[in-house]
C-alpha atoms as a PDB file:
ATOM      1  CA  UNK A   1       1.479 -16.208   3.972  1.00  0.00           C
ATOM      2  CA  UNK A   2       4.742 -14.324   3.494  1.00  0.00           C
ATOM      3  CA  UNK A   3       4.944 -11.016   1.614  1.00  0.00           C
ATOM      4  CA  UNK A   4       6.795 -12.631  -1.287  1.00  0.00           C
ATOM      5  CA  UNK A   5       3.944 -15.138  -1.679  1.00  0.00           C
ATOM      6  CA  UNK A   6       1.312 -12.377  -1.668  1.00  0.00           C
ATOM      7  CA  UNK A   7       3.317 -10.477  -4.286  1.00  0.00           C
ATOM      8  CA  UNK A   8       3.617 -13.569  -6.464  1.00  0.00           C
ATOM      9  CA  UNK A   9      -0.113 -14.248  -6.186  1.00  0.00           C
ATOM     10  CA  UNK A  10      -0.959 -10.666  -7.202  1.00  0.00           C
ATOM     11  CA  UNK A  11       1.398 -10.805 -10.186  1.00  0.00           C
ATOM     12  CA  UNK A  12      -0.302 -14.029 -11.320  1.00  0.00           C
ATOM     13  CA  UNK A  13      -3.763 -12.467 -10.912  1.00  0.00           C
ATOM     14  CA  UNK A  14      -2.770  -9.470 -13.024  1.00  0.00           C
ATOM     15  CA  UNK A  15      -1.106 -11.638 -15.672  1.00  0.00           C
ATOM     16  CA  UNK A  16      -4.473 -13.330 -16.248  1.00  0.00           C
ATOM     17  CA  UNK A  17      -6.026 -10.006 -17.253  1.00  0.00           C
ATOM     18  CA  UNK A  18      -5.819  -9.139 -20.938  1.00  0.00           C
ATOM     19  CA  UNK A  19      -6.043  -5.358 -21.029  1.00  0.00           C
ATOM     20  CA  UNK A  20      -5.023  -2.415 -18.908  1.00  0.00           C
ATOM     21  CA  UNK A  21      -8.665  -1.482 -18.680  1.00  0.00           C
ATOM     22  CA  UNK A  22      -9.252  -4.806 -16.896  1.00  0.00           C
ATOM     23  CA  UNK A  23      -6.226  -4.223 -14.670  1.00  0.00           C
ATOM     24  CA  UNK A  24      -7.458  -0.744 -13.709  1.00  0.00           C
ATOM     25  CA  UNK A  25     -10.878  -2.244 -12.946  1.00  0.00           C
ATOM     26  CA  UNK A  26      -9.215  -4.758 -10.624  1.00  0.00           C
ATOM     27  CA  UNK A  27      -7.265  -1.998  -8.870  1.00  0.00           C
ATOM     28  CA  UNK A  28     -10.458   0.029  -8.418  1.00  0.00           C
ATOM     29  CA  UNK A  29     -12.209  -3.089  -7.078  1.00  0.00           C
ATOM     30  CA  UNK A  30      -9.452  -3.454  -4.460  1.00  0.00           C
ATOM     31  CA  UNK A  31     -10.133   0.146  -3.437  1.00  0.00           C
ATOM     32  CA  UNK A  32     -13.864  -0.498  -3.105  1.00  0.00           C
ATOM     33  CA  UNK A  33     -13.115  -3.488  -0.851  1.00  0.00           C
ATOM     34  CA  UNK A  34     -10.822  -1.449   1.417  1.00  0.00           C
ATOM     35  CA  UNK A  35     -12.434  -0.881   4.816  1.00  0.00           C
ATOM     36  CA  UNK A  36     -13.074   2.823   5.431  1.00  0.00           C
ATOM     37  CA  UNK A  37     -10.595   4.709   7.564  1.00  0.00           C
ATOM     38  CA  UNK A  38     -12.154   6.232  10.671  1.00  0.00           C
ATOM     39  CA  UNK A  39     -12.789   9.965  10.328  1.00  0.00           C
ATOM     40  CA  UNK A  40     -10.629  10.710  13.372  1.00  0.00           C
ATOM     41  CA  UNK A  41      -7.648   9.227  11.485  1.00  0.00           C
ATOM     42  CA  UNK A  42      -8.181  11.498   8.479  1.00  0.00           C
ATOM     43  CA  UNK A  43      -5.954  14.156   9.947  1.00  0.00           C
ATOM     44  CA  UNK A  44      -3.079  16.194   8.581  1.00  0.00           C
ATOM     45  CA  UNK A  45      -0.337  14.016  10.122  1.00  0.00           C
ATOM     46  CA  UNK A  46      -1.737  10.954   8.299  1.00  0.00           C
ATOM     47  CA  UNK A  47      -2.041  12.741   4.966  1.00  0.00           C
ATOM     48  CA  UNK A  48       0.401  11.759   2.224  1.00  0.00           C
ATOM     49  CA  UNK A  49       2.202  14.609   0.505  1.00  0.00           C
ATOM     50  CA  UNK A  50       3.168  14.359  -3.151  1.00  0.00           C
ATOM     51  CA  UNK A  51      -0.142  12.945  -4.266  1.00  0.00           C
ATOM     52  CA  UNK A  52      -2.590  14.871  -6.415  1.00  0.00           C
ATOM     53  CA  UNK A  53      -5.541  13.323  -4.562  1.00  0.00           C
ATOM     54  CA  UNK A  54      -6.171  13.351  -0.852  1.00  0.00           C
ATOM     55  CA  UNK A  55      -4.927  10.206   0.829  1.00  0.00           C
ATOM     56  CA  UNK A  56      -4.506   9.251   4.441  1.00  0.00           C
ATOM     57  CA  UNK A  57      -2.467   6.306   5.693  1.00  0.00           C
ATOM     58  CA  UNK A  58      -2.365   5.088   9.275  1.00  0.00           C
ATOM     59  CA  UNK A  59      -0.513   2.160  10.820  1.00  0.00           C
ATOM     60  CA  UNK A  60      -0.530   0.397  14.145  1.00  0.00           C
ATOM     61  CA  UNK A  61       1.570  -2.371  15.626  1.00  0.00           C
ATOM     62  CA  UNK A  62      -0.249  -5.291  17.197  1.00  0.00           C
ATOM     63  CA  UNK A  63       1.423  -8.472  18.454  1.00  0.00           C
ATOM     64  CA  UNK A  64       4.581  -7.587  16.531  1.00  0.00           C
ATOM     65  CA  UNK A  65       2.765  -7.120  13.231  1.00  0.00           C
ATOM     66  CA  UNK A  66       2.012  -3.877  11.446  1.00  0.00           C
ATOM     67  CA  UNK A  67      -1.513  -3.204  10.252  1.00  0.00           C
ATOM     68  CA  UNK A  68      -2.181  -0.440   7.747  1.00  0.00           C
ATOM     69  CA  UNK A  69      -5.392   1.411   7.017  1.00  0.00           C
ATOM     70  CA  UNK A  70      -5.944   4.072   4.382  1.00  0.00           C
ATOM     71  CA  UNK A  71      -8.495   6.080   2.457  1.00  0.00           C
ATOM     72  CA  UNK A  72      -8.546   8.412  -0.511  1.00  0.00           C
ATOM     73  CA  UNK A  73     -10.984  10.620  -2.358  1.00  0.00           C
ATOM     74  CA  UNK A  74      -9.902   9.135  -5.716  1.00  0.00           C
ATOM     75  CA  UNK A  75     -10.874   5.584  -6.695  1.00  0.00           C
ATOM     76  CA  UNK A  76      -7.665   4.672  -8.523  1.00  0.00           C
ATOM     77  CA  UNK A  77      -5.509   6.003  -5.669  1.00  0.00           C
ATOM     78  CA  UNK A  78      -7.627   4.152  -3.131  1.00  0.00           C
ATOM     79  CA  UNK A  79      -7.119   1.020  -5.231  1.00  0.00           C
ATOM     80  CA  UNK A  80      -3.357   1.535  -5.383  1.00  0.00           C
ATOM     81  CA  UNK A  81      -3.061   1.932  -1.621  1.00  0.00           C
ATOM     82  CA  UNK A  82      -5.340  -1.094  -1.171  1.00  0.00           C
ATOM     83  CA  UNK A  83      -2.891  -3.062  -3.330  1.00  0.00           C
ATOM     84  CA  UNK A  84      -0.012  -2.008  -1.055  1.00  0.00           C
ATOM     85  CA  UNK A  85      -2.069  -2.888   2.019  1.00  0.00           C
ATOM     86  CA  UNK A  86      -2.817  -6.352   0.588  1.00  0.00           C
ATOM     87  CA  UNK A  87       0.921  -6.937   0.335  1.00  0.00           C
ATOM     88  CA  UNK A  88       2.328  -5.306   3.470  1.00  0.00           C
ATOM     89  CA  UNK A  89      -0.375  -5.117   6.164  1.00  0.00           C
ATOM     90  CA  UNK A  90      -0.347  -7.868   8.779  1.00  0.00           C
ATOM     91  CA  UNK A  91       3.380  -8.545   8.562  1.00  0.00           C
ATOM     92  CA  UNK A  92       6.318  -7.872  10.854  1.00  0.00           C
ATOM     93  CA  UNK A  93       8.246  -4.641  10.240  1.00  0.00           C
ATOM     94  CA  UNK A  94      11.444  -6.589   9.421  1.00  0.00           C
ATOM     95  CA  UNK A  95       9.696  -8.539   6.671  1.00  0.00           C
ATOM     96  CA  UNK A  96       8.156  -5.345   5.251  1.00  0.00           C
ATOM     97  CA  UNK A  97      11.533  -3.611   5.167  1.00  0.00           C
ATOM     98  CA  UNK A  98      13.232  -6.592   3.520  1.00  0.00           C
ATOM     99  CA  UNK A  99      10.564  -7.022   0.813  1.00  0.00           C
ATOM    100  CA  UNK A 100      11.118  -4.657  -2.105  1.00  0.00           C
ATOM    101  CA  UNK A 101       8.068  -3.686  -4.189  1.00  0.00           C
ATOM    102  CA  UNK A 102       9.266  -5.600  -7.291  1.00  0.00           C
ATOM    103  CA  UNK A 103       5.718  -6.830  -7.859  1.00  0.00           C
ATOM    104  CA  UNK A 104       4.655  -3.331  -8.996  1.00  0.00           C
ATOM    105  CA  UNK A 105       7.102  -3.488 -11.880  1.00  0.00           C
ATOM    106  CA  UNK A 106       6.134  -7.079 -12.722  1.00  0.00           C
ATOM    107  CA  UNK A 107       2.476  -6.066 -12.840  1.00  0.00           C
ATOM    108  CA  UNK A 108       3.494  -3.109 -15.016  1.00  0.00           C
ATOM    109  CA  UNK A 109       1.726  -0.461 -12.972  1.00  0.00           C
ATOM    110  CA  UNK A 110       4.689   1.893 -13.061  1.00  0.00           C
ATOM    111  CA  UNK A 111       4.428   2.090 -16.874  1.00  0.00           C
ATOM    112  CA  UNK A 112       0.696   2.840 -16.869  1.00  0.00           C
ATOM    113  CA  UNK A 113       0.327   5.629 -14.334  1.00  0.00           C
ATOM    114  CA  UNK A 114       0.530   9.351 -14.918  1.00  0.00           C
ATOM    115  CA  UNK A 115       3.606  10.987 -13.371  1.00  0.00           C
ATOM    116  CA  UNK A 116       1.528  12.420 -10.502  1.00  0.00           C
ATOM    117  CA  UNK A 117      -0.083   9.041  -9.735  1.00  0.00           C
ATOM    118  CA  UNK A 118       3.341   7.390  -9.925  1.00  0.00           C
ATOM    119  CA  UNK A 119       4.700   9.956  -7.435  1.00  0.00           C
ATOM    120  CA  UNK A 120       1.714   9.331  -5.182  1.00  0.00           C
ATOM    121  CA  UNK A 121       2.259   5.567  -5.290  1.00  0.00           C
ATOM    122  CA  UNK A 122       5.912   6.098  -4.377  1.00  0.00           C
ATOM    123  CA  UNK A 123       4.905   8.379  -1.487  1.00  0.00           C
ATOM    124  CA  UNK A 124       2.410   5.801  -0.175  1.00  0.00           C
ATOM    125  CA  UNK A 125       5.014   3.032  -0.348  1.00  0.00           C
ATOM    126  CA  UNK A 126       7.611   5.232   1.322  1.00  0.00           C
ATOM    127  CA  UNK A 127       5.178   5.999   4.166  1.00  0.00           C
ATOM    128  CA  UNK A 128       4.437   2.315   4.748  1.00  0.00           C
ATOM    129  CA  UNK A 129       8.179   1.606   4.868  1.00  0.00           C
ATOM    130  CA  UNK A 130       8.674   4.552   7.230  1.00  0.00           C
ATOM    131  CA  UNK A 131       6.005   3.167   9.579  1.00  0.00           C
ATOM    132  CA  UNK A 132       7.756  -0.225   9.500  1.00  0.00           C
ATOM    133  CA  UNK A 133      11.160   1.339  10.238  1.00  0.00           C
ATOM    134  CA  UNK A 134       9.655   3.349  13.113  1.00  0.00           C
ATOM    135  CA  UNK A 135       7.966   0.311  14.650  1.00  0.00           C
ATOM    136  CA  UNK A 136      11.180  -1.698  14.287  1.00  0.00           C
ATOM    137  CA  UNK A 137      13.178   1.049  16.011  1.00  0.00           C
ATOM    138  CA  UNK A 138      10.631   1.352  18.824  1.00  0.00           C
ATOM    139  CA  UNK A 139      10.703  -2.420  19.366  1.00  0.00           C
ATOM    140  CA  UNK A 140      14.503  -2.416  19.683  1.00  0.00           C
ATOM    141  CA  UNK A 141      14.373   0.443  22.211  1.00  0.00           C
ATOM    142  CA  UNK A 142      11.779  -1.381  24.315  1.00  0.00           C
ATOM    143  CA  UNK A 143      13.892  -4.548  24.605  1.00  0.00           C
END
């Protein structure tokens, strides 16, 4: 499934929910379903700056696809990063870089987060895009 299809599916899932309380519950559920990040990856270089909570994001490239793992000490933040992982993990760096996060606006998340959570979400997204750009650059050097 392409990133655009995953985004569309998520937007449809959130549109079915009536209240923001239900939407937050869904985001938190995503966080609870996120596999734990290994303790050895919870290091300073994987920590995201600009987020009120502690959050670690790690990525690896396997068979040309980028896989992202993350963890946080805050349930809503863990849910937000899980949402990003649902969309971007398992895809090629080129596709990640060419797929803007329009789905966040369509879901309405950006209007329902505190400024610090919104900054944290932006920092998480930026880090995922940075990983993708790095893997793309490394692949072009290795050719």
